[in-house]
N, C-alpha and C. Protein backbone atom coordinates (compact mmCIF):
# COMPACT_ATOMS: atom_id res chain seq x y z
N MET A 1 -44.72 7.18 223.54
CA MET A 1 -44.45 8.10 224.63
C MET A 1 -43.48 7.44 225.61
N VAL A 2 -42.54 8.21 226.09
CA VAL A 2 -41.54 7.71 227.03
C VAL A 2 -41.88 8.23 228.42
N LYS A 3 -41.79 7.31 229.40
CA LYS A 3 -42.10 7.69 230.77
C LYS A 3 -40.99 8.53 231.37
N GLN A 4 -41.38 9.43 232.24
CA GLN A 4 -40.42 10.33 232.89
C GLN A 4 -39.38 9.55 233.71
N GLU A 5 -39.81 8.43 234.32
CA GLU A 5 -38.89 7.61 235.11
C GLU A 5 -37.73 7.11 234.25
N PHE A 6 -38.07 6.67 233.04
CA PHE A 6 -37.03 6.18 232.11
C PHE A 6 -36.05 7.30 231.77
N ILE A 7 -36.58 8.47 231.48
CA ILE A 7 -35.72 9.61 231.16
C ILE A 7 -34.82 9.96 232.33
N ASP A 8 -35.39 9.96 233.53
CA ASP A 8 -34.59 10.26 234.73
C ASP A 8 -33.49 9.22 234.94
N GLU A 9 -33.82 7.95 234.72
CA GLU A 9 -32.84 6.89 234.86
C GLU A 9 -31.71 7.05 233.83
N MET A 10 -32.05 7.36 232.60
CA MET A 10 -31.05 7.57 231.56
C MET A 10 -30.16 8.78 231.88
N ARG A 11 -30.77 9.82 232.45
CA ARG A 11 -29.99 11.01 232.82
C ARG A 11 -28.92 10.64 233.85
N ARG A 12 -29.26 9.73 234.78
CA ARG A 12 -28.31 9.30 235.81
C ARG A 12 -27.25 8.37 235.24
N MET A 13 -27.62 7.54 234.28
CA MET A 13 -26.71 6.51 233.75
C MET A 13 -25.76 7.01 232.68
N LEU A 14 -26.21 7.92 231.85
CA LEU A 14 -25.41 8.34 230.68
C LEU A 14 -24.53 9.53 231.01
N PRO A 15 -23.38 9.63 230.31
CA PRO A 15 -22.59 10.87 230.42
C PRO A 15 -23.46 12.05 229.96
N PRO A 16 -23.26 13.22 230.56
CA PRO A 16 -24.13 14.37 230.24
C PRO A 16 -24.20 14.72 228.75
N GLU A 17 -23.04 14.68 228.04
CA GLU A 17 -23.07 15.05 226.63
C GLU A 17 -23.87 14.04 225.80
N ARG A 18 -23.81 12.76 226.19
CA ARG A 18 -24.59 11.74 225.45
C ARG A 18 -26.07 11.91 225.74
N PHE A 19 -26.43 12.18 227.00
CA PHE A 19 -27.84 12.38 227.32
C PHE A 19 -28.40 13.57 226.53
N LYS A 20 -27.66 14.66 226.52
CA LYS A 20 -28.13 15.84 225.77
C LYS A 20 -28.32 15.53 224.29
N ARG A 21 -27.40 14.76 223.75
CA ARG A 21 -27.47 14.42 222.32
C ARG A 21 -28.65 13.51 222.04
N GLU A 22 -28.83 12.45 222.85
CA GLU A 22 -29.83 11.44 222.55
C GLU A 22 -31.23 11.77 223.02
N PHE A 23 -31.37 12.55 224.09
CA PHE A 23 -32.70 12.81 224.63
C PHE A 23 -33.17 14.24 224.43
N GLU A 24 -32.25 15.15 224.22
CA GLU A 24 -32.63 16.55 224.05
C GLU A 24 -32.27 17.09 222.68
N ALA A 25 -31.75 16.22 221.80
CA ALA A 25 -31.35 16.62 220.45
C ALA A 25 -30.43 17.83 220.49
N GLU A 26 -29.61 17.87 221.53
CA GLU A 26 -28.65 18.95 221.70
C GLU A 26 -27.27 18.34 221.50
N PHE A 27 -26.63 18.70 220.43
CA PHE A 27 -25.36 18.08 220.10
C PHE A 27 -24.24 18.83 220.79
N ALA A 28 -24.11 18.52 222.07
CA ALA A 28 -23.09 19.14 222.90
C ALA A 28 -21.71 18.73 222.40
N GLU A 29 -20.85 19.67 222.34
CA GLU A 29 -19.52 19.40 221.82
C GLU A 29 -18.70 18.57 222.80
N ASP A 30 -17.96 17.67 222.26
CA ASP A 30 -17.04 16.87 223.05
C ASP A 30 -15.93 17.77 223.54
N GLU A 31 -15.76 17.85 224.84
CA GLU A 31 -14.75 18.74 225.40
C GLU A 31 -13.34 18.34 225.02
N ALA A 32 -13.17 17.08 224.64
CA ALA A 32 -11.84 16.62 224.24
C ALA A 32 -11.52 16.93 222.77
N SER A 33 -12.46 17.53 222.06
CA SER A 33 -12.29 17.81 220.65
C SER A 33 -11.23 18.89 220.45
N TYR A 34 -10.27 18.61 219.57
CA TYR A 34 -9.19 19.56 219.31
C TYR A 34 -9.70 20.72 218.46
N PHE A 35 -10.62 20.46 217.53
CA PHE A 35 -11.21 21.49 216.70
C PHE A 35 -12.67 21.65 217.09
N PRO A 36 -13.00 22.60 217.96
CA PRO A 36 -14.39 22.80 218.36
C PRO A 36 -15.29 23.11 217.16
N GLN A 37 -16.53 22.67 217.26
CA GLN A 37 -17.49 22.88 216.16
C GLN A 37 -17.65 24.36 215.83
N ASP A 38 -17.65 25.24 216.83
CA ASP A 38 -17.83 26.66 216.53
C ASP A 38 -16.63 27.22 215.75
N LEU A 39 -15.44 26.69 216.00
CA LEU A 39 -14.27 27.11 215.21
C LEU A 39 -14.39 26.65 213.76
N ILE A 40 -14.80 25.42 213.58
CA ILE A 40 -15.01 24.89 212.23
C ILE A 40 -16.09 25.69 211.52
N ALA A 41 -17.19 25.96 212.20
CA ALA A 41 -18.32 26.71 211.61
C ALA A 41 -17.87 28.10 211.16
N ARG A 42 -16.99 28.75 211.92
CA ARG A 42 -16.52 30.08 211.54
C ARG A 42 -15.65 30.05 210.30
N CYS A 43 -15.14 28.87 209.95
CA CYS A 43 -14.27 28.75 208.78
C CYS A 43 -15.03 28.42 207.50
N ILE A 44 -16.32 28.20 207.62
CA ILE A 44 -17.12 27.87 206.44
C ILE A 44 -17.54 29.16 205.74
N HIS A 45 -17.22 29.25 204.47
CA HIS A 45 -17.50 30.45 203.70
C HIS A 45 -18.49 30.09 202.59
N PRO A 46 -19.73 30.58 202.66
CA PRO A 46 -20.74 30.14 201.69
C PRO A 46 -20.47 30.57 200.26
N ASP A 47 -19.68 31.62 200.07
CA ASP A 47 -19.42 32.10 198.71
C ASP A 47 -18.07 31.64 198.16
N LEU A 48 -17.48 30.67 198.83
CA LEU A 48 -16.15 30.19 198.43
C LEU A 48 -16.21 29.51 197.07
N ASP A 49 -15.23 29.82 196.24
CA ASP A 49 -15.14 29.16 194.94
C ASP A 49 -14.60 27.75 195.14
N TYR A 50 -15.20 26.80 194.44
CA TYR A 50 -14.70 25.43 194.44
C TYR A 50 -14.36 25.10 192.99
N TYR A 51 -13.16 24.64 192.78
CA TYR A 51 -12.72 24.32 191.43
C TYR A 51 -12.74 22.82 191.22
N ASP A 52 -13.41 22.39 190.16
CA ASP A 52 -13.40 20.96 189.88
C ASP A 52 -12.16 20.59 189.08
N PHE A 53 -12.01 19.32 188.83
CA PHE A 53 -10.81 18.78 188.19
C PHE A 53 -10.57 19.39 186.82
N GLU A 54 -11.65 19.69 186.10
CA GLU A 54 -11.53 20.22 184.74
C GLU A 54 -11.26 21.72 184.69
N SER A 55 -11.26 22.38 185.83
CA SER A 55 -11.06 23.84 185.87
C SER A 55 -9.64 24.23 185.48
N TYR A 56 -9.52 25.49 185.04
CA TYR A 56 -8.23 26.09 184.75
C TYR A 56 -8.13 27.41 185.51
N PRO A 57 -8.12 27.35 186.85
CA PRO A 57 -8.16 28.60 187.63
C PRO A 57 -6.81 29.31 187.65
N SER A 58 -6.85 30.56 188.02
CA SER A 58 -5.62 31.30 188.22
C SER A 58 -5.56 31.70 189.70
N GLY A 59 -4.37 31.83 190.21
CA GLY A 59 -4.18 32.14 191.62
C GLY A 59 -2.90 31.50 192.10
N VAL A 60 -2.73 31.49 193.41
CA VAL A 60 -1.58 30.85 194.04
C VAL A 60 -2.11 29.67 194.85
N PHE A 61 -1.70 28.46 194.46
CA PHE A 61 -2.25 27.25 195.06
C PHE A 61 -1.15 26.38 195.67
N TYR A 62 -1.56 25.63 196.70
CA TYR A 62 -0.70 24.62 197.33
C TYR A 62 -1.54 23.35 197.45
N ALA A 63 -0.91 22.21 197.23
CA ALA A 63 -1.64 20.95 197.28
C ALA A 63 -1.03 20.02 198.30
N GLY A 64 -1.85 19.17 198.86
CA GLY A 64 -1.40 18.14 199.76
C GLY A 64 -1.93 16.79 199.30
N VAL A 65 -1.12 15.75 199.45
CA VAL A 65 -1.51 14.42 199.01
C VAL A 65 -1.29 13.45 200.16
N ASP A 66 -2.31 12.66 200.44
CA ASP A 66 -2.20 11.58 201.43
C ASP A 66 -2.46 10.27 200.70
N PHE A 67 -1.51 9.39 200.74
CA PHE A 67 -1.65 8.11 200.03
C PHE A 67 -2.24 7.05 200.94
N GLY A 68 -3.23 6.36 200.41
CA GLY A 68 -3.83 5.20 201.07
C GLY A 68 -3.97 4.12 200.04
N LYS A 69 -4.44 2.98 200.48
CA LYS A 69 -4.58 1.89 199.50
C LYS A 69 -5.74 0.97 199.89
N HIS A 70 -5.55 0.20 200.95
CA HIS A 70 -6.54 -0.82 201.28
C HIS A 70 -7.43 -0.43 202.47
N ARG A 71 -6.87 0.22 203.47
CA ARG A 71 -7.66 0.60 204.62
C ARG A 71 -8.00 2.09 204.62
N ASP A 72 -7.13 2.89 204.07
CA ASP A 72 -7.33 4.34 204.01
C ASP A 72 -7.44 4.77 202.56
N TYR A 73 -8.15 5.86 202.35
CA TYR A 73 -8.30 6.41 201.02
C TYR A 73 -7.10 7.31 200.68
N SER A 74 -6.71 7.34 199.44
CA SER A 74 -5.80 8.38 198.97
C SER A 74 -6.65 9.64 198.77
N ALA A 75 -6.06 10.78 199.05
CA ALA A 75 -6.81 12.02 198.94
C ALA A 75 -5.88 13.17 198.54
N VAL A 76 -6.48 14.13 197.83
CA VAL A 76 -5.76 15.34 197.41
C VAL A 76 -6.58 16.53 197.87
N ALA A 77 -5.92 17.51 198.45
CA ALA A 77 -6.57 18.76 198.84
C ALA A 77 -5.74 19.90 198.28
N VAL A 78 -6.43 20.94 197.79
CA VAL A 78 -5.75 22.12 197.26
C VAL A 78 -6.30 23.35 197.97
N VAL A 79 -5.38 24.19 198.41
CA VAL A 79 -5.77 25.46 199.02
C VAL A 79 -5.27 26.59 198.16
N GLU A 80 -6.01 27.69 198.19
CA GLU A 80 -5.61 28.90 197.47
C GLU A 80 -5.17 29.94 198.50
N SER A 81 -4.05 30.58 198.24
CA SER A 81 -3.57 31.65 199.09
C SER A 81 -4.08 32.98 198.51
N LYS A 82 -4.89 33.66 199.30
CA LYS A 82 -5.47 34.92 198.84
C LYS A 82 -5.63 35.85 200.05
N ASP A 83 -5.12 37.05 199.93
CA ASP A 83 -5.24 38.06 200.99
C ASP A 83 -4.73 37.52 202.32
N ASP A 84 -3.58 36.86 202.30
CA ASP A 84 -2.95 36.31 203.50
C ASP A 84 -3.78 35.25 204.22
N LYS A 85 -4.70 34.62 203.49
CA LYS A 85 -5.52 33.55 204.05
C LYS A 85 -5.46 32.36 203.11
N LEU A 86 -5.75 31.18 203.63
CA LEU A 86 -5.80 29.97 202.83
C LEU A 86 -7.24 29.50 202.74
N TYR A 87 -7.67 29.18 201.53
CA TYR A 87 -9.02 28.70 201.27
C TYR A 87 -8.97 27.35 200.58
N THR A 88 -9.66 26.38 201.12
CA THR A 88 -9.73 25.07 200.47
C THR A 88 -10.60 25.22 199.24
N VAL A 89 -10.04 24.92 198.08
CA VAL A 89 -10.79 25.13 196.82
C VAL A 89 -10.98 23.84 196.02
N HIS A 90 -10.33 22.77 196.45
CA HIS A 90 -10.51 21.51 195.73
C HIS A 90 -10.13 20.34 196.64
N MET A 91 -10.95 19.30 196.60
CA MET A 91 -10.63 18.06 197.33
C MET A 91 -11.09 16.90 196.47
N HIS A 92 -10.31 15.83 196.56
CA HIS A 92 -10.69 14.60 195.85
C HIS A 92 -10.25 13.40 196.66
N ARG A 93 -11.19 12.48 196.89
CA ARG A 93 -10.89 11.24 197.57
C ARG A 93 -11.02 10.12 196.57
N PHE A 94 -9.99 9.32 196.47
CA PHE A 94 -9.96 8.21 195.53
C PHE A 94 -10.61 6.97 196.14
N PRO A 95 -11.13 6.08 195.31
CA PRO A 95 -11.69 4.83 195.85
C PRO A 95 -10.60 4.00 196.52
N LEU A 96 -11.01 3.19 197.50
CA LEU A 96 -10.05 2.27 198.09
C LEU A 96 -9.45 1.40 197.01
N GLY A 97 -8.17 1.12 197.14
CA GLY A 97 -7.49 0.28 196.16
C GLY A 97 -6.99 1.00 194.94
N GLU A 98 -7.24 2.30 194.83
CA GLU A 98 -6.77 3.06 193.66
C GLU A 98 -5.24 2.98 193.60
N SER A 99 -4.72 2.84 192.41
CA SER A 99 -3.25 2.72 192.26
C SER A 99 -2.57 4.04 192.56
N TYR A 100 -1.34 3.95 193.06
CA TYR A 100 -0.57 5.15 193.30
C TYR A 100 -0.30 5.88 192.00
N ALA A 101 -0.16 5.14 190.90
CA ALA A 101 0.06 5.78 189.60
C ALA A 101 -1.11 6.67 189.22
N SER A 102 -2.34 6.24 189.53
CA SER A 102 -3.51 7.06 189.23
C SER A 102 -3.51 8.34 190.05
N VAL A 103 -3.13 8.22 191.32
CA VAL A 103 -3.08 9.41 192.20
C VAL A 103 -2.01 10.37 191.68
N ILE A 104 -0.85 9.84 191.32
CA ILE A 104 0.22 10.68 190.78
C ILE A 104 -0.23 11.34 189.47
N GLY A 105 -0.90 10.60 188.61
CA GLY A 105 -1.41 11.17 187.36
C GLY A 105 -2.41 12.29 187.60
N TYR A 106 -3.27 12.11 188.59
CA TYR A 106 -4.25 13.13 188.94
C TYR A 106 -3.54 14.42 189.39
N VAL A 107 -2.56 14.26 190.28
CA VAL A 107 -1.81 15.43 190.78
C VAL A 107 -1.04 16.09 189.65
N LYS A 108 -0.43 15.31 188.77
CA LYS A 108 0.31 15.87 187.63
C LYS A 108 -0.61 16.69 186.73
N THR A 109 -1.80 16.15 186.45
CA THR A 109 -2.76 16.86 185.62
C THR A 109 -3.21 18.16 186.28
N LEU A 110 -3.46 18.12 187.60
CA LEU A 110 -3.82 19.35 188.31
C LEU A 110 -2.70 20.39 188.18
N CYS A 111 -1.46 19.95 188.36
CA CYS A 111 -0.34 20.90 188.26
C CYS A 111 -0.23 21.48 186.86
N GLU A 112 -0.56 20.71 185.85
CA GLU A 112 -0.51 21.23 184.48
C GLU A 112 -1.66 22.18 184.21
N ARG A 113 -2.84 21.87 184.67
CA ARG A 113 -4.01 22.73 184.45
C ARG A 113 -3.93 24.00 185.28
N TRP A 114 -3.55 23.81 186.52
CA TRP A 114 -3.45 24.93 187.45
C TRP A 114 -1.98 25.30 187.51
N ASP A 115 -1.52 26.03 186.54
CA ASP A 115 -0.09 26.26 186.40
C ASP A 115 0.52 27.06 187.53
N SER A 116 -0.30 27.44 188.49
CA SER A 116 0.25 28.20 189.62
C SER A 116 0.17 27.42 190.93
N ILE A 117 0.23 26.08 190.85
CA ILE A 117 0.41 25.29 192.07
C ILE A 117 1.90 25.41 192.44
N VAL A 118 2.14 26.13 193.51
CA VAL A 118 3.51 26.45 193.93
C VAL A 118 4.22 25.21 194.42
N SER A 119 3.54 24.42 195.23
CA SER A 119 4.17 23.20 195.72
C SER A 119 3.12 22.18 196.13
N VAL A 120 3.57 20.93 196.15
CA VAL A 120 2.74 19.82 196.57
C VAL A 120 3.48 19.17 197.72
N VAL A 121 2.78 18.93 198.81
CA VAL A 121 3.35 18.21 199.94
C VAL A 121 2.70 16.84 199.98
N ALA A 122 3.51 15.80 200.01
CA ALA A 122 3.00 14.43 199.99
C ALA A 122 3.45 13.69 201.23
N ASP A 123 2.50 13.04 201.89
CA ASP A 123 2.82 12.20 203.05
C ASP A 123 3.48 10.93 202.55
N GLN A 124 4.72 10.75 202.90
CA GLN A 124 5.43 9.54 202.48
C GLN A 124 5.65 8.60 203.66
N THR A 125 4.93 8.81 204.75
CA THR A 125 5.11 8.01 205.95
C THR A 125 4.94 6.52 205.69
N GLY A 126 3.84 6.12 205.07
CA GLY A 126 3.58 4.71 204.88
C GLY A 126 4.10 4.16 203.57
N VAL A 127 4.16 4.99 202.54
CA VAL A 127 4.48 4.48 201.19
C VAL A 127 5.95 4.57 200.84
N GLY A 128 6.70 5.35 201.57
CA GLY A 128 8.13 5.41 201.32
C GLY A 128 8.53 6.46 200.29
N GLU A 129 9.83 6.58 200.14
CA GLU A 129 10.40 7.59 199.26
C GLU A 129 10.11 7.38 197.79
N TYR A 130 9.93 6.15 197.38
CA TYR A 130 9.85 5.90 195.93
C TYR A 130 8.63 6.57 195.30
N ILE A 131 7.54 6.73 196.05
CA ILE A 131 6.35 7.40 195.50
C ILE A 131 6.70 8.87 195.23
N VAL A 132 7.36 9.52 196.19
CA VAL A 132 7.76 10.91 195.99
C VAL A 132 8.76 11.02 194.85
N GLU A 133 9.68 10.08 194.73
CA GLU A 133 10.61 10.07 193.61
C GLU A 133 9.87 9.96 192.29
N ASP A 134 8.83 9.12 192.23
CA ASP A 134 8.02 9.02 191.00
C ASP A 134 7.36 10.35 190.69
N MET A 135 6.91 11.05 191.71
CA MET A 135 6.27 12.35 191.49
C MET A 135 7.27 13.36 190.97
N VAL A 136 8.46 13.39 191.55
CA VAL A 136 9.53 14.29 191.07
C VAL A 136 9.86 13.98 189.62
N ASN A 137 10.01 12.68 189.30
CA ASN A 137 10.31 12.27 187.92
C ASN A 137 9.20 12.65 186.95
N ALA A 138 7.96 12.79 187.45
CA ALA A 138 6.85 13.19 186.61
C ALA A 138 6.77 14.70 186.45
N GLY A 139 7.68 15.43 187.10
CA GLY A 139 7.70 16.88 186.97
C GLY A 139 6.81 17.61 187.95
N ILE A 140 6.41 16.96 189.01
CA ILE A 140 5.56 17.57 190.02
C ILE A 140 6.45 18.26 191.06
N PRO A 141 6.13 19.53 191.40
CA PRO A 141 6.94 20.25 192.41
C PRO A 141 6.59 19.74 193.82
N VAL A 142 7.10 18.57 194.18
CA VAL A 142 6.66 17.89 195.40
C VAL A 142 7.75 17.86 196.46
N GLU A 143 7.29 17.90 197.68
CA GLU A 143 8.14 17.71 198.85
C GLU A 143 7.51 16.59 199.67
N GLY A 144 8.28 15.57 199.96
CA GLY A 144 7.78 14.47 200.79
C GLY A 144 8.01 14.78 202.26
N VAL A 145 7.04 14.43 203.07
CA VAL A 145 7.16 14.60 204.52
C VAL A 145 6.86 13.29 205.23
N ILE A 146 7.59 13.04 206.27
CA ILE A 146 7.31 11.89 207.13
C ILE A 146 6.61 12.46 208.36
N LEU A 147 5.40 12.01 208.58
CA LEU A 147 4.57 12.58 209.64
C LEU A 147 4.74 11.81 210.95
N THR A 148 5.71 12.27 211.74
CA THR A 148 5.89 11.73 213.08
C THR A 148 4.80 12.35 213.97
N GLN A 149 4.63 11.82 215.15
CA GLN A 149 3.63 12.37 216.07
C GLN A 149 3.92 13.85 216.35
N GLN A 150 5.17 14.19 216.56
CA GLN A 150 5.54 15.59 216.82
C GLN A 150 5.20 16.47 215.61
N ARG A 151 5.49 16.00 214.43
CA ARG A 151 5.20 16.78 213.21
C ARG A 151 3.70 16.97 213.05
N LYS A 152 2.90 15.93 213.32
CA LYS A 152 1.44 16.04 213.24
C LYS A 152 0.93 17.09 214.21
N GLU A 153 1.47 17.09 215.43
CA GLU A 153 1.06 18.08 216.43
C GLU A 153 1.41 19.50 215.97
N GLU A 154 2.57 19.67 215.37
CA GLU A 154 2.96 20.98 214.85
C GLU A 154 1.99 21.43 213.76
N ILE A 155 1.67 20.53 212.85
CA ILE A 155 0.78 20.87 211.72
C ILE A 155 -0.61 21.22 212.25
N LEU A 156 -1.13 20.42 213.18
CA LEU A 156 -2.45 20.67 213.72
C LEU A 156 -2.48 21.98 214.51
N GLY A 157 -1.38 22.27 215.23
CA GLY A 157 -1.28 23.54 215.95
C GLY A 157 -1.31 24.73 215.01
N TYR A 158 -0.57 24.63 213.92
CA TYR A 158 -0.55 25.70 212.91
C TYR A 158 -1.94 25.86 212.31
N MET A 159 -2.56 24.72 212.00
CA MET A 159 -3.90 24.76 211.38
C MET A 159 -4.92 25.41 212.32
N LYS A 160 -4.87 25.04 213.57
CA LYS A 160 -5.81 25.62 214.54
C LYS A 160 -5.59 27.12 214.68
N GLN A 161 -4.32 27.53 214.71
CA GLN A 161 -4.01 28.95 214.81
C GLN A 161 -4.51 29.70 213.56
N ALA A 162 -4.32 29.09 212.40
CA ALA A 162 -4.76 29.72 211.15
C ALA A 162 -6.27 29.83 211.09
N MET A 163 -6.94 28.85 211.69
CA MET A 163 -8.42 28.90 211.69
C MET A 163 -8.93 30.04 212.56
């Protein structure tokens, strides 16, 4: 049992959102959050189709690739365009240290199985042009982007608006 004096002292000492979270089990949203929890919750669709790597779905798809190696994970996300909306239908995070060749092979196989992946956007900020060149040489319909702070803000703004 916790004494009321302790609770009152913690209420005075802690920021309000932390007190609510730790003592009232109320997970108050961080006001500085760019994507509020209620916005994220409205984007969750319980009946959404998720396609695994072995699937052969039909539709109009777009993929994004973020390359990591030692500190960050490489990841692939695929969205489906349907009824003027985008739905995340596939995600894969590679283990730390995974080779870029493995990531490229994964994306190439997805493009072959899902013959309607319109384009792949790959972050070439840290890895450079040669990774995107390897993807082009592998027959992947890829566009490399360098994510400057301004570009990230534009993307996040578009994403928030789409949500």
